[in-house]
Protein backbone atom coordinates (compact mmCIF):
# COMPACT_ATOMS: atom_id res chain seq x y z
CA MET A 1 5.60 -14.59 16.89
CA LYS A 2 8.26 -16.21 13.79
CA THR A 3 6.27 -15.90 10.27
CA ASP A 4 5.89 -19.14 8.31
CA HIS A 5 4.36 -17.85 5.22
CA ILE A 6 5.69 -14.72 3.20
CA LEU A 7 3.74 -13.66 0.31
CA TYR A 8 5.84 -11.33 -2.00
CA VAL A 9 3.80 -9.00 -4.66
CA CYS A 10 5.37 -7.66 -7.85
CA ILE A 11 4.44 -3.87 -7.66
CA ASN A 12 7.23 -2.56 -11.02
CA LYS A 13 6.77 0.55 -11.51
CA LYS A 14 7.63 -0.14 -15.53
CA GLY A 15 3.62 0.21 -16.45
CA GLY A 16 1.97 -1.32 -19.26
CA LYS A 17 1.84 -5.50 -18.90
CA ALA A 18 4.21 -4.94 -16.30
CA CYS A 19 2.88 -5.45 -12.51
CA ILE A 20 1.79 -1.62 -11.76
CA GLY A 21 -0.17 -1.72 -14.80
CA PRO A 22 -2.89 -4.20 -13.97
CA LYS A 23 -3.75 -3.55 -10.87
CA SER A 24 -0.69 -4.89 -8.59
CA ARG A 25 -1.74 -2.77 -5.52
CA GLU A 26 -4.77 -3.58 -5.56
CA VAL A 27 -3.78 -7.63 -5.30
CA PHE A 28 -1.27 -6.49 -2.95
CA ARG A 29 -3.88 -4.83 -0.74
CA ALA A 30 -6.30 -8.03 -1.30
CA LEU A 31 -3.42 -10.30 -0.02
CA ARG A 32 -2.95 -8.39 2.88
CA LYS A 33 -6.05 -8.20 4.16
CA HIS A 34 -7.22 -11.44 3.71
CA ALA A 35 -3.74 -12.29 5.43
CA LYS A 36 -4.98 -10.61 8.73
CA GLU A 37 -8.33 -11.82 8.72
CA ARG A 38 -6.78 -15.71 8.87
CA ILE A 39 -3.99 -14.15 11.61
CA GLU A 40 -7.27 -13.00 13.86
CA GLU A 41 -9.45 -16.31 12.99
CA ASP A 42 -6.54 -18.86 12.99
CA GLY A 43 -3.63 -17.24 14.16
CA VAL A 44 -2.00 -18.37 11.25
CA ASP A 45 1.24 -15.88 10.33
CA ILE A 46 1.32 -15.15 6.67
CA VAL A 47 2.85 -11.88 5.66
CA VAL A 48 2.34 -10.39 2.20
CA LYS A 49 5.52 -8.20 1.20
CA ARG A 50 6.25 -5.75 -1.62
CA MET A 51 8.72 -6.45 -4.56
CA GLU A 52 9.80 -4.65 -7.18
CA CYS A 53 10.44 -7.25 -9.89
CA MET A 54 10.14 -10.81 -10.70
CA GLY A 55 11.02 -11.08 -14.20
CA TYR A 56 7.59 -11.98 -15.31
CA CYS A 57 6.43 -8.23 -16.25
CA GLY A 58 4.50 -9.85 -19.71
CA GLU A 59 2.57 -12.18 -17.16
CA GLY A 60 1.47 -9.38 -14.40
CA PRO A 61 0.78 -8.84 -11.71
CA ASN A 62 2.98 -11.97 -10.21
CA VAL A 63 2.66 -13.37 -6.75
CA LYS A 64 5.64 -15.67 -5.42
CA ILE A 65 5.37 -17.81 -2.07
CA HIS A 66 8.14 -17.97 -0.41
CA GLY A 67 9.35 -21.95 -1.08
CA GLY A 68 6.40 -22.02 -3.32
CA PRO A 69 4.99 -21.49 -6.91
CA PHE A 70 4.28 -17.97 -9.19
CA PHE A 71 0.89 -17.08 -9.96
CA HIS A 72 0.38 -14.76 -12.59
CA GLU A 73 -1.79 -12.55 -13.87
CA VAL A 74 -3.56 -12.55 -10.61
CA THR A 75 -6.74 -10.65 -9.61
CA GLU A 76 -8.15 -9.28 -6.40
CA ASP A 77 -10.28 -12.30 -6.52
CA ASP A 78 -7.33 -15.00 -6.76
CA ALA A 79 -5.90 -14.20 -3.10
CA ASP A 80 -8.04 -16.77 -0.84
CA SER A 81 -6.35 -19.57 -3.17
CA ILE A 82 -3.25 -18.03 -3.21
CA LEU A 83 -3.39 -18.04 0.87
CA ASP A 84 -4.48 -21.67 0.43
CA VAL A 85 -1.81 -22.42 -1.05
CA ALA A 86 0.55 -20.82 0.94
CA LEU A 87 -0.67 -22.42 3.77
CA LYS A 88 0.34 -25.62 2.31
CA CYS A 89 3.73 -24.68 1.41
CA THR A 90 6.12 -25.28 4.68
């Protein structure tokens, strides 16, 4: 199966306001969970990957859609809306 949609979640270990400090692991888990649900329900191929640094340490947690926009200060509650945007990016 070809991967059509890839999201990157910064999990930088600098601490503080850097991504790992404001719960980026929880954001990563939420995105993976919601992406898996969409794969099972709709057959949509979405992959969520970890990334070490995106260069926006003061605005974390950060998410980047491959070929699409960045999202800053992301929370678990943002997972579905970010996936919606990812599905519109080709």
